[in-house]
Every structure is written in C-alpha cells, then in structure tokens.
Amino acid sequence: MWSGSIVNIVESYISKEVLFRFRGIDFSFALSHGLFSSNDIDTGTRQLLRVLSKIWDADPAAGRPLPRSVLDSGCGVGVIGICAARALLEFYSAAGSAVCPPPFFVRAQDRDDLARLFTEYNAERNFPTTEVPVTARTEPLLAGPEGCRWDLILTNIPAKAGTPVLEDFVRRSVELLSPGGRVIMVAVNTLVNFFRSLIEKSGTVLLEETGKEHTVFVYQRREADTMLNGPVIAGEHFIQNNPFYLRSGAGGMGSGDYEMEGICYHIDAVHGAAEFDRPGAAAVAAAKLVSRLGLEKIYLPQAQSDRCAAILIHESGQGHFPAWLLQRGLKTDRLVLSGRNILALEAARHNTKAALAATALAAKAADMSIQVIPGTELPVEHPAIPGAYSFIVAFPETVPGAERLTALWEDIARLLLPNGTALIALSSSEAEKFDRKKPASGPNGPHFTRLGDIKRQGFRALAYRRNQDPV
C-alpha cells in the first residue's frame, strides 16, 4: 500500500477521472494535465484495445496460450497495461487457474515519473480485491532486466520520440519477444509507411488495421532470425550504450558548445527531452542570479574536504545548468540529479560528467558521486537520499491545476542544511506565488532569508538562505 504522502501528491495532479469499459469490465482512470491525453482515453489507445480484444477472442480457437509476460511500453497513466491485466485475470479465473498470485505479470514503463505514479495509482484502484499484477517503472522504452523476453508487447508509440529511437524500438521489440510472442503497436497514420517498412525489415506483419487517425500493427519475429539485441539497460552508461538517443548522433543538432554568463560548456542533447538546442530561460535566469550574488559569496556548508556538502539539482533538463555550474568552479563531493524525465536525467548525468572532466578538477572527477533519482518532486522519501544538502537548485515543472508550491517549501525545509542555499527558477507568476508562500519564521520551523532575485524572459530566479536553527 502507498504512503499517504504519495497518494496526496498524485491526487493533487489529477485533472479528471473517467470511466472506461473493456471486455465487459468497468474501469476508472485518473488523468492529469501533466500527461498525455488529459481529457479522455485517447482514440489510439481505444483502437489498440479493440484489436487486442479481437485477438484474444480468436486465440482460444487457434490453440494459442494466454500471455504470461506483458510489457506496456510508454504507458502514460496505465490504461493499456491495466486493461490487459484485468482481462487476463478474468481469462485465468474462468479457466479455473489460481489467480493469487496471478499467473502472469505486466510491466508498465514510461520515461516520465509522473506517469509511473499515475499508473500505480490507477492499478491500485482497478484491482481493489486482489494482488496487483502490474508494476510500473520510470525507464526508457524497452528497458528491462537482462535476458527478459515478452509474450506480448503493447505500445501506443510516442510519435515524437525521435526517428532513431522509433527505429530501434521496432528492431528491438521483435528481438525481445519470446517464441510465438507478438507486438501490438498503435501509431498515427502519418507514420504508417515508416513503421510498415521497419516492421517488414525486422519481423512479420500479422495484422494491420487502419482507422480514421491511427493504425494498429500486430507483428512478430521471424523464427529464423538471429536475436542480437537485449533490453535497453538504464543507468550510468545509458548514453554511451544507446547512442541512438543522441540527437542526430554525436556532434549533431543540439550537441555542441554553449555559453551562459561568460562560461562555456558542452552539451550532448538527447531525443525525448527539452532544451536540446539552447538553455531554457529558467536556467539562464538561475545562472544570472548565481553570477550576480557571486557563488563564492554564497555560504555553503563545507564537507570535510575543500568542497561543499552534497548538492541537489531538480529538473535540470539536458544538464545545461549543472554543467555550467561545475565549469564555473563549484566543488562538491556529491551531486544528485532528480526530475520526472529519466532521459533528461541521463543526459544531465552524461553532460555533467563531461563538464567536470573539462575543469581543473578533472583529476578528482572519479572521487565525485553523481547520482540520478527519478522523481516528480524533490526526492525526500528516496532511501538513497542522505537527508541534507548544502545547495538545492530546482526548476519545478508547473502543471495546470496542481498546486505544489507549499509542498516544495516543505521539501526544501526537510532537505536543506542550516546556512545552506536554495535557488528556485519558475515562471514569473509562479515565482511570485512561491515567494509569498515562504514559511514564516518561528520556533517550530526554519527561517529563510531571501538573498536575491532576477527576471529573464518571463522567468524569475530566487535564492534563499536557510538561517542557522535556533539552539
């Protein structure tokens, strides 16, 4: 069961709750303005599920077994994976099979941690009386444990994932199938020829059903083909191991040298993350404020070495700000990068390491820990978090209808060391709200002093010091 704090986070992001029916089963799904299809179940998902239902009607007569391993790749709020899981549970129950625990499992994956939270939340709601056979992960498409094979891969493929990523998806999905396994993919009609060509090169098309806006492909591996690729492995060397995520390859569009506040740094940009061709206005405003205050004048609690204690940077995009910060000369023993998008986090880790290697501290780069933690908000409940940072920088993503600024202050108060500094960059209107919500000083909580603020292209950066707690 979830903790109350996680439930509160998810429910604050809900924009609408919708009812849905699949194979005679009633479902209820929470949607969010922060995720795809925030107003209703999208037409592509509906079409894929109709095709899936037809296939499962035909399979018993053909003697095909039910799938026991299912992957919902790019799950969003979890509609496809959850519907498939409930339907499988009904199949196995009708056949008299033991269903506790269920004799199958569904892995749902999305690059966005908010999607993971919504999938888990919706799964809990739609499996109220039995063990939930759905696990959700914040990870790239087709990531998974080494050696894993799937009886069924389902995907409402994200059309804007990037051409090299989509090409890899088709090739890799075929090779991740177990014998007799199938992929069911729905794609927008503008990409039908693109996907048909890829599928015919990599596998065998079993079915193609075209609707008004989308086409569903059902395909499988040619049995004689050699299997070369395993699942995508996320982690420290993700960019090096999966170069197709780089935009136009190394040195292509978005990969190059950038400059903020007189400091040059290099960025290798990836598909599936923002700020691929320039630093965002929020990062520029934050850099300007750091320069105006003088980083050397901001008191940062020191570690035992000459470096400051751990630093947390939340939602740093492709890594423009942390790369700039290290090039500017900030020294730290431990840097934690958090945020919703795992692809952005891996790009930020890659680019931060490269920036560190380009500084005078290159010889000590191996001593610095750079940790990636997917998280919709500051990762206060993550077991790997030490609980105290000398410097917190946050570029919070604003989701319409979700008021999380008070929670952001609470998280900063829990994570920031006395005399540490927090720097927040938001749209000017949200920054004004955030500043007004600054906790009042008193005996029951920390006191924050605003050090400065600056505006840039509709964004505003604010810096605060947490004063020494009273004895």
Protein backbone atom coordinates (compact mmCIF):
# COMPACT_ATOMS: atom_id res chain seq x y z
CA MET A 1 0.00 0.00 0.00
CA TRP A 2 1.08 3.52 -0.71
CA SER A 3 2.01 6.08 1.91
CA GLY A 4 -0.44 8.91 2.44
CA SER A 5 2.07 11.47 1.17
CA ILE A 6 2.41 9.72 -2.22
CA VAL A 7 -1.37 9.48 -2.58
CA ASN A 8 -1.64 13.21 -1.81
CA ILE A 9 0.95 14.01 -4.48
CA VAL A 10 -0.87 12.02 -7.16
CA GLU A 11 -4.30 13.34 -6.25
CA SER A 12 -3.06 16.94 -6.46
CA TYR A 13 -2.13 16.28 -10.13
CA ILE A 14 -5.48 14.72 -11.14
CA SER A 15 -7.33 16.79 -13.73
CA LYS A 16 -10.20 14.41 -14.41
CA GLU A 17 -11.47 10.91 -13.67
CA VAL A 18 -13.06 8.93 -16.50
CA LEU A 19 -14.95 5.65 -16.72
CA PHE A 20 -13.96 3.09 -19.34
CA ARG A 21 -15.22 -0.35 -20.30
CA PHE A 22 -13.11 -3.15 -21.79
CA ARG A 23 -14.32 -6.70 -22.38
CA GLY A 24 -17.28 -6.15 -20.07
CA ILE A 25 -15.13 -4.87 -17.22
CA ASP A 26 -15.67 -1.39 -15.80
CA PHE A 27 -12.58 0.73 -15.12
CA SER A 28 -11.96 4.14 -13.62
CA PHE A 29 -8.88 6.11 -14.61
CA ALA A 30 -7.41 9.30 -13.16
CA LEU A 31 -5.91 11.61 -15.77
CA SER A 32 -3.55 14.59 -15.46
CA HIS A 33 -2.81 17.79 -17.36
CA GLY A 34 0.83 16.85 -16.90
CA LEU A 35 0.49 13.71 -19.03
CA PHE A 36 -0.68 12.67 -22.49
CA SER A 37 -4.43 12.71 -23.15
CA SER A 38 -5.58 14.62 -20.08
CA ASN A 39 -9.24 14.94 -21.05
CA ASP A 40 -10.22 11.39 -22.05
CA ILE A 41 -8.88 8.00 -23.12
CA ASP A 42 -7.31 8.79 -26.49
CA THR A 43 -8.54 7.25 -29.74
CA GLY A 44 -5.28 5.39 -30.41
CA THR A 45 -5.47 3.57 -27.09
CA ARG A 46 -9.12 2.67 -27.72
CA GLN A 47 -8.27 1.27 -31.16
CA LEU A 48 -5.38 -0.81 -29.85
CA LEU A 49 -7.57 -2.32 -27.13
CA ARG A 50 -10.27 -3.19 -29.68
CA VAL A 51 -7.70 -5.08 -31.74
CA LEU A 52 -6.34 -6.78 -28.62
CA SER A 53 -9.83 -7.90 -27.67
CA LYS A 54 -10.43 -9.39 -31.14
CA ILE A 55 -7.13 -11.28 -30.95
CA TRP A 56 -7.97 -12.72 -27.54
CA ASP A 57 -11.39 -13.79 -28.86
CA ALA A 58 -9.67 -15.69 -31.68
CA ASP A 59 -6.72 -17.17 -29.77
CA PRO A 60 -8.58 -20.00 -27.92
CA ALA A 61 -9.90 -21.46 -31.18
CA ALA A 62 -6.40 -21.29 -32.64
CA GLY A 63 -4.95 -23.03 -29.59
CA ARG A 64 -2.76 -20.09 -28.67
CA PRO A 65 -1.88 -19.81 -24.96
CA LEU A 66 -2.54 -16.69 -22.97
CA PRO A 67 0.49 -14.43 -22.42
CA ARG A 68 2.25 -14.66 -19.07
CA SER A 69 4.68 -11.78 -19.55
CA VAL A 70 3.33 -8.46 -20.86
CA LEU A 71 5.12 -5.15 -21.41
CA ASP A 72 3.22 -1.84 -21.72
CA SER A 73 5.90 0.40 -23.22
CA GLY A 74 5.23 4.14 -22.91
CA CYS A 75 2.35 3.51 -20.52
CA GLY A 76 1.14 7.05 -19.73
CA VAL A 77 -1.49 6.72 -16.99
CA GLY A 78 -1.53 2.94 -17.45
CA VAL A 79 -4.76 2.36 -19.41
CA ILE A 80 -3.45 -0.30 -21.81
CA GLY A 81 -1.48 -2.35 -19.29
CA ILE A 82 -4.18 -2.22 -16.62
CA CYS A 83 -6.96 -3.21 -19.05
CA ALA A 84 -4.84 -6.09 -20.34
CA ALA A 85 -4.08 -7.26 -16.81
CA ARG A 86 -7.72 -7.24 -15.67
CA ALA A 87 -8.80 -9.08 -18.81
CA LEU A 88 -6.09 -11.71 -18.31
CA LEU A 89 -7.19 -12.14 -14.71
CA GLU A 90 -10.72 -12.85 -15.94
CA PHE A 91 -9.43 -15.34 -18.51
CA TYR A 92 -7.38 -17.26 -15.97
CA SER A 93 -10.22 -17.19 -13.42
CA ALA A 94 -12.69 -18.58 -15.97
CA ALA A 95 -10.23 -21.35 -16.80
CA GLY A 96 -10.02 -22.28 -13.13
CA SER A 97 -6.40 -21.26 -12.75
CA ALA A 98 -5.11 -19.97 -9.44
CA VAL A 99 -5.14 -16.20 -9.53
CA CYS A 100 -3.47 -15.29 -6.23
CA PRO A 101 -0.81 -14.53 -7.06
CA PRO A 102 -1.80 -14.10 -10.72
CA PRO A 103 -0.03 -16.50 -13.12
CA PHE A 104 1.16 -13.58 -15.26
CA PHE A 105 2.70 -10.14 -14.81
CA VAL A 106 2.54 -6.79 -16.58
CA ARG A 107 5.45 -4.36 -16.57
CA ALA A 108 4.44 -0.78 -17.42
CA GLN A 109 7.18 1.68 -18.31
CA ASP A 110 7.37 5.37 -19.14
CA ARG A 111 10.17 7.91 -19.27
CA ASP A 112 8.07 10.23 -17.04
CA ASP A 113 7.96 9.55 -13.29
CA LEU A 114 4.54 11.21 -13.04
CA ALA A 115 3.26 8.55 -15.47
CA ARG A 116 4.69 5.87 -13.21
CA LEU A 117 2.86 7.33 -10.21
CA PHE A 118 -0.44 7.56 -12.10
CA THR A 119 -0.10 4.01 -13.43
CA GLU A 120 0.47 2.68 -9.91
CA TYR A 121 -2.41 4.77 -8.58
CA ASN A 122 -4.80 3.60 -11.32
CA ALA A 123 -3.70 -0.02 -10.89
CA GLU A 124 -4.46 0.09 -7.17
CA ARG A 125 -7.92 1.49 -7.91
CA ASN A 126 -8.76 -1.12 -10.53
CA PHE A 127 -7.50 -4.16 -8.60
CA PRO A 128 -9.22 -3.48 -5.26
CA THR A 129 -9.64 -7.08 -4.07
CA THR A 130 -6.63 -8.96 -5.44
CA GLU A 131 -2.88 -8.69 -5.74
CA VAL A 132 -1.98 -6.07 -8.35
CA PRO A 133 -0.22 -7.83 -11.25
CA VAL A 134 1.07 -4.51 -12.68
CA THR A 135 4.41 -2.96 -11.78
CA ALA A 136 5.32 0.49 -13.10
CA ARG A 137 8.83 1.79 -13.79
CA THR A 138 10.38 5.10 -14.75
CA GLU A 139 12.61 3.96 -17.60
CA PRO A 140 13.23 4.26 -21.35
CA LEU A 141 11.26 2.33 -23.95
CA LEU A 142 12.03 -1.40 -23.90
CA ALA A 143 14.20 -1.21 -20.80
CA GLY A 144 14.13 -4.23 -18.56
CA PRO A 145 16.12 -6.92 -16.84
CA GLU A 146 18.84 -8.64 -18.84
CA GLY A 147 17.61 -11.75 -20.60
CA CYS A 148 13.90 -10.95 -20.22
CA ARG A 149 11.61 -11.97 -23.08
CA TRP A 150 7.99 -10.93 -23.55
CA ASP A 151 4.95 -12.89 -24.71
CA LEU A 152 3.22 -9.61 -25.54
CA ILE A 153 4.47 -6.05 -26.01
CA LEU A 154 1.81 -3.31 -26.17
CA THR A 155 2.53 0.30 -27.09
CA ASN A 156 0.79 3.49 -28.09
CA ILE A 157 4.09 4.57 -29.58
CA PRO A 158 5.08 8.19 -28.83
CA ALA A 159 5.35 9.73 -32.31
CA LYS A 160 7.79 12.43 -31.19
CA ALA A 161 10.27 10.06 -29.55
CA GLY A 162 12.78 10.73 -32.35
CA THR A 163 13.28 8.79 -35.59
CA PRO A 164 16.36 6.81 -34.40
CA VAL A 165 14.52 5.84 -31.19
CA LEU A 166 11.47 4.65 -33.13
CA GLU A 167 13.68 2.64 -35.50
CA ASP A 168 15.39 0.99 -32.54
CA PHE A 169 12.03 0.26 -30.94
CA VAL A 170 10.83 -1.79 -33.89
CA ARG A 171 14.09 -3.74 -34.25
CA ARG A 172 14.48 -4.34 -30.52
CA SER A 173 10.82 -5.15 -29.81
CA VAL A 174 10.94 -8.01 -32.33
CA GLU A 175 14.04 -9.45 -30.70
CA LEU A 176 12.63 -9.18 -27.17
CA LEU A 177 9.71 -11.47 -27.97
CA SER A 178 9.52 -15.00 -26.62
CA PRO A 179 8.77 -17.76 -29.17
CA GLY A 180 5.34 -17.03 -30.59
CA GLY A 181 5.20 -13.63 -28.91
CA ARG A 182 3.60 -10.60 -30.53
CA VAL A 183 3.88 -6.82 -30.56
CA ILE A 184 0.72 -4.73 -30.85
CA MET A 185 1.52 -1.13 -31.73
CA VAL A 186 -0.76 1.79 -32.50
CA ALA A 187 0.68 4.76 -34.40
CA VAL A 188 -0.64 7.92 -36.01
CA ASN A 189 -1.47 7.47 -39.69
CA THR A 190 1.20 9.93 -40.81
CA LEU A 191 3.80 7.35 -39.74
CA VAL A 192 2.14 4.24 -41.22
CA ASN A 193 4.55 3.84 -44.16
CA PHE A 194 7.53 4.49 -41.91
CA PHE A 195 6.53 1.79 -39.43
CA ARG A 196 5.36 -0.71 -42.05
CA SER A 197 8.74 -0.56 -43.76
CA LEU A 198 10.60 -1.01 -40.47
CA ILE A 199 8.42 -3.91 -39.35
CA GLU A 200 8.77 -5.74 -42.67
CA LYS A 201 12.57 -5.48 -42.40
CA SER A 202 12.65 -6.77 -38.83
CA GLY A 203 9.72 -9.15 -38.48
CA THR A 204 6.43 -10.35 -39.90
CA VAL A 205 3.25 -8.26 -40.03
CA LEU A 206 0.32 -10.36 -38.82
CA LEU A 207 -2.36 -7.69 -38.93
CA GLU A 208 -2.72 -4.06 -39.97
CA GLU A 209 -5.93 -2.23 -39.07
CA THR A 210 -6.33 1.41 -40.12
CA GLY A 211 -8.77 3.82 -38.53
CA LYS A 212 -9.51 7.49 -39.11
CA GLU A 213 -6.46 8.76 -37.21
CA HIS A 214 -4.42 5.70 -36.23
CA THR A 215 -3.22 2.35 -37.49
CA VAL A 216 -2.64 -0.74 -35.36
CA PHE A 217 0.15 -3.14 -36.33
CA VAL A 218 0.43 -6.65 -34.96
CA TYR A 219 3.79 -8.23 -35.72
CA GLN A 220 6.18 -10.93 -34.54
CA ARG A 221 9.70 -12.19 -35.02
CA ARG A 222 10.66 -14.38 -37.97
CA GLU A 223 11.67 -17.60 -36.24
CA ALA A 224 14.84 -18.00 -38.32
CA ASP A 225 16.20 -14.55 -37.44
CA THR A 226 19.16 -14.22 -35.11
CA MET A 227 18.43 -12.36 -31.89
CA LEU A 228 21.14 -9.75 -31.30
CA ASN A 229 19.67 -7.12 -29.00
CA GLY A 230 18.65 -7.42 -25.40
CA PRO A 231 16.59 -4.88 -23.44
CA VAL A 232 17.71 -1.29 -23.08
CA ILE A 233 19.83 -1.04 -19.95
CA ALA A 234 19.31 2.17 -17.99
CA GLY A 235 21.98 3.51 -15.69
CA GLU A 236 25.28 5.29 -15.56
CA HIS A 237 26.41 4.50 -19.12
CA PHE A 238 23.00 4.83 -20.75
CA ILE A 239 24.04 7.47 -23.32
CA GLN A 240 27.20 5.63 -24.36
CA ASN A 241 25.36 2.31 -24.64
CA ASN A 242 22.37 3.74 -26.54
CA PRO A 243 23.80 6.35 -28.92
CA PHE A 244 20.59 6.37 -30.99
CA TYR A 245 19.15 8.62 -28.27
CA LEU A 246 21.63 11.36 -29.19
CA ARG A 247 20.03 13.94 -31.45
CA SER A 248 21.44 13.36 -34.97
CA GLY A 249 24.30 11.45 -33.39
CA ALA A 250 27.31 12.90 -31.64
CA GLY A 251 28.01 16.40 -32.86
CA GLY A 252 24.57 16.72 -34.44
CA MET A 253 21.81 19.28 -33.82
CA GLY A 254 21.74 20.15 -30.15
CA SER A 255 25.19 18.75 -29.46
CA GLY A 256 27.78 21.47 -29.17
CA ASP A 257 29.25 24.27 -27.14
CA TYR A 258 27.07 26.74 -25.24
CA GLU A 259 27.68 29.82 -23.14
CA MET A 260 25.97 31.35 -20.12
CA GLU A 261 27.30 34.31 -18.17
CA GLY A 262 30.70 34.13 -19.84
CA ILE A 263 31.19 30.44 -19.04
CA CYS A 264 31.42 27.90 -21.89
CA TYR A 265 30.35 24.28 -21.58
CA HIS A 266 29.43 21.37 -23.84
CA ILE A 267 26.09 19.56 -24.16
CA ASP A 268 25.23 16.33 -25.97
CA ALA A 269 21.46 16.54 -26.38
CA VAL A 270 19.11 13.56 -26.46
CA HIS A 271 15.74 12.84 -28.01
CA GLY A 272 12.78 12.96 -25.65
CA ALA A 273 13.95 15.88 -23.50
CA ALA A 274 13.55 19.64 -23.74
CA GLU A 275 16.29 22.28 -24.09
CA PHE A 276 18.06 20.36 -26.85
CA ASP A 277 19.15 23.43 -28.81
CA ARG A 278 19.65 26.08 -26.11
CA PRO A 279 19.43 26.50 -22.34
CA GLY A 280 15.94 27.38 -21.15
CA ALA A 281 15.09 30.83 -19.84
CA ALA A 282 14.80 29.44 -16.30
CA ALA A 283 18.37 28.11 -16.44
CA VAL A 284 19.62 31.42 -17.81
CA ALA A 285 17.88 33.33 -15.03
CA ALA A 286 19.37 30.98 -12.43
CA ALA A 287 22.85 31.41 -13.88
CA LYS A 288 22.47 35.19 -13.88
CA LEU A 289 21.42 35.17 -10.23
CA VAL A 290 24.34 32.95 -9.21
CA SER A 291 26.68 35.30 -11.04
CA ARG A 292 25.12 38.41 -9.53
CA LEU A 293 25.31 37.05 -5.99
CA GLY A 294 28.77 35.66 -6.57
CA LEU A 295 28.90 31.95 -5.97
CA GLU A 296 31.95 32.43 -3.81
CA LYS A 297 29.90 34.78 -1.60
CA ILE A 298 27.09 32.28 -1.05
CA TYR A 299 27.96 30.47 2.14
CA LEU A 300 27.71 26.75 1.51
CA PRO A 301 28.33 24.34 4.41
CA GLN A 302 31.58 22.53 3.81
CA ALA A 303 32.31 18.84 3.71
CA GLN A 304 35.50 17.59 5.34
CA SER A 305 37.39 18.37 2.15
CA ASP A 306 37.55 21.76 0.47
CA ARG A 307 34.29 21.01 -1.30
CA CYS A 308 30.79 21.89 -0.14
CA ALA A 309 28.45 19.17 1.06
CA ALA A 310 26.00 17.41 -1.25
CA ILE A 311 24.09 19.36 -3.92
CA LEU A 312 20.63 18.57 -5.30
CA ILE A 313 19.51 19.87 -8.71
CA HIS A 314 15.90 19.13 -9.65
CA GLU A 315 14.61 19.24 -13.25
CA SER A 316 17.86 20.34 -14.89
CA GLY A 317 16.74 19.35 -18.40
CA GLN A 318 19.61 18.18 -20.59
CA GLY A 319 22.06 19.41 -17.96
CA HIS A 320 22.80 22.99 -19.02
CA PHE A 321 22.75 24.40 -15.50
CA PRO A 322 24.79 21.73 -13.64
CA ALA A 323 27.34 21.62 -16.48
CA TRP A 324 27.65 25.42 -16.30
CA LEU A 325 27.84 25.34 -12.51
CA LEU A 326 30.76 22.93 -12.46
CA GLN A 327 32.55 24.78 -15.23
CA ARG A 328 32.15 27.93 -13.15
CA GLY A 329 34.10 26.26 -10.39
CA LEU A 330 31.64 24.89 -7.83
CA LYS A 331 33.23 22.00 -5.96
CA THR A 332 31.22 19.27 -4.31
CA ASP A 333 31.66 15.69 -3.15
CA ARG A 334 28.21 14.57 -4.22
CA LEU A 335 25.71 15.75 -6.79
CA VAL A 336 22.16 14.39 -7.00
CA LEU A 337 20.12 14.98 -10.16
CA SER A 338 16.38 14.42 -9.85
CA GLY A 339 13.37 15.03 -12.07
CA ARG A 340 10.46 13.45 -13.90
CA ASN A 341 12.13 12.56 -17.21
CA ILE A 342 14.66 9.71 -17.00
CA LEU A 343 16.04 10.58 -20.46
CA ALA A 344 16.75 14.15 -19.37
CA LEU A 345 18.36 12.88 -16.18
CA GLU A 346 20.67 10.54 -18.07
CA ALA A 347 21.62 13.35 -20.45
CA ALA A 348 22.28 15.63 -17.47
CA ARG A 349 24.47 12.99 -15.82
CA HIS A 350 26.42 12.47 -19.06
CA ASN A 351 26.89 16.20 -19.64
CA THR A 352 27.75 16.95 -16.02
CA LYS A 353 30.46 14.31 -16.04
CA ALA A 354 31.87 15.78 -19.24
CA ALA A 355 31.85 19.27 -17.73
CA LEU A 356 33.62 18.05 -14.63
CA ALA A 357 36.27 16.34 -16.74
CA ALA A 358 36.90 19.66 -18.52
CA THR A 359 37.62 21.57 -15.32
CA ALA A 360 40.75 21.91 -13.24
CA LEU A 361 39.21 19.24 -11.00
CA ALA A 362 39.42 16.60 -13.74
CA ALA A 363 41.96 14.59 -11.76
CA LYS A 364 39.47 14.37 -8.87
CA ALA A 365 36.46 13.59 -11.06
CA ALA A 366 36.47 9.95 -10.03
CA ASP A 367 36.01 11.00 -6.41
CA MET A 368 32.77 12.85 -7.11
CA SER A 369 29.50 10.96 -6.92
CA ILE A 370 26.80 11.88 -9.47
CA GLN A 371 23.53 10.16 -8.69
CA VAL A 372 20.33 10.10 -10.76
CA ILE A 373 16.98 9.73 -8.97
CA PRO A 374 13.73 9.89 -10.97
CA GLY A 375 11.16 11.87 -9.03
CA THR A 376 8.14 14.05 -9.72
CA GLU A 377 9.13 16.27 -6.79
CA LEU A 378 12.20 16.65 -4.59
CA PRO A 379 13.13 13.07 -3.62
CA VAL A 380 12.74 13.38 0.13
CA GLU A 381 11.46 9.80 0.60
CA HIS A 382 14.06 8.08 -1.56
CA PRO A 383 16.09 5.59 0.51
CA ALA A 384 19.39 6.71 -1.06
CA ILE A 385 18.94 10.35 -0.07
CA PRO A 386 21.26 11.40 2.78
CA GLY A 387 18.73 13.93 4.02
CA ALA A 388 20.82 17.09 3.93
CA TYR A 389 22.16 19.32 1.15
CA SER A 390 24.18 22.49 1.23
CA PHE A 391 22.77 23.73 -2.09
CA ILE A 392 19.41 22.92 -3.69
CA VAL A 393 18.52 24.18 -7.17
CA ALA A 394 15.03 23.48 -8.53
CA PHE A 395 13.33 24.22 -11.84
CA PRO A 396 9.87 22.82 -10.97
CA GLU A 397 7.56 21.84 -13.82
CA THR A 398 4.25 23.66 -13.49
CA VAL A 399 1.17 21.53 -14.19
CA PRO A 400 -2.17 23.35 -14.59
CA GLY A 401 -4.42 22.74 -11.63
CA ALA A 402 -1.70 21.23 -9.44
CA GLU A 403 -0.63 23.49 -6.57
CA ARG A 404 2.65 22.10 -5.24
CA LEU A 405 4.49 25.24 -4.13
CA THR A 406 3.72 24.78 -0.43
CA ALA A 407 4.96 21.19 -0.68
CA LEU A 408 8.12 22.45 -2.39
CA TRP A 409 8.87 24.71 0.58
CA GLU A 410 8.26 21.80 2.96
CA ASP A 411 10.66 19.60 1.00
CA ILE A 412 13.33 22.30 0.97
CA ALA A 413 12.96 22.74 4.73
CA ARG A 414 13.49 19.00 5.23
CA LEU A 415 16.47 18.68 2.89
CA LEU A 416 18.47 21.91 3.19
CA LEU A 417 21.21 22.21 5.79
CA PRO A 418 21.27 25.23 8.11
CA ASN A 419 23.14 28.03 6.32
CA GLY A 420 22.55 26.23 3.03
CA THR A 421 21.18 27.96 -0.05
CA ALA A 422 18.12 27.15 -2.17
CA LEU A 423 17.70 28.58 -5.66
CA ILE A 424 14.33 28.24 -7.41
CA ALA A 425 13.55 29.30 -11.00
CA LEU A 426 9.95 29.45 -12.22
CA SER A 427 7.74 31.47 -14.50
CA SER A 428 7.40 34.98 -13.09
CA SER A 429 3.81 34.42 -11.97
CA GLU A 430 4.60 31.11 -10.25
CA ALA A 431 7.73 32.57 -8.67
CA GLU A 432 5.64 35.34 -7.15
CA LYS A 433 3.30 32.74 -5.64
CA PHE A 434 6.26 30.71 -4.38
CA ASP A 435 7.83 33.72 -2.68
CA ARG A 436 4.55 34.58 -0.95
CA LYS A 437 4.38 31.04 0.46
CA LYS A 438 7.76 31.32 2.19
CA PRO A 439 7.31 29.89 5.69
CA ALA A 440 7.05 32.44 8.46
CA SER A 441 9.96 32.33 10.90
CA GLY A 442 9.24 30.90 14.30
CA PRO A 443 10.28 28.38 16.92
CA ASN A 444 8.66 25.44 15.09
CA GLY A 445 10.42 25.70 11.74
CA PRO A 446 13.43 27.02 9.86
CA HIS A 447 13.79 30.67 8.93
CA PHE A 448 14.62 31.57 5.33
CA THR A 449 16.17 34.85 4.17
CA ARG A 450 15.84 35.87 0.54
CA LEU A 451 19.28 36.62 -0.89
CA GLY A 452 18.19 37.98 -4.24
CA ASP A 453 16.13 37.50 -7.37
CA ILE A 454 16.32 38.23 -11.09
CA LYS A 455 13.96 38.09 -14.06
CA ARG A 456 14.70 36.81 -17.52
CA GLN A 457 12.31 36.34 -20.47
CA GLY A 458 9.23 35.71 -18.35
CA PHE A 459 11.06 33.64 -15.74
CA ARG A 460 12.28 34.59 -12.31
CA ALA A 461 15.02 33.04 -10.17
CA LEU A 462 15.03 33.48 -6.40
CA ALA A 463 17.70 32.50 -3.87
CA TYR A 464 17.16 31.88 -0.16
CA ARG A 465 19.40 31.03 2.74
CA ARG A 466 18.22 28.79 5.49
CA ASN A 467 19.38 30.51 8.66
CA GLN A 468 21.08 28.66 11.47
CA ASP A 469 18.41 26.89 13.50
CA PRO A 470 17.92 28.32 17.00
CA VAL A 471 19.55 26.35 19.81
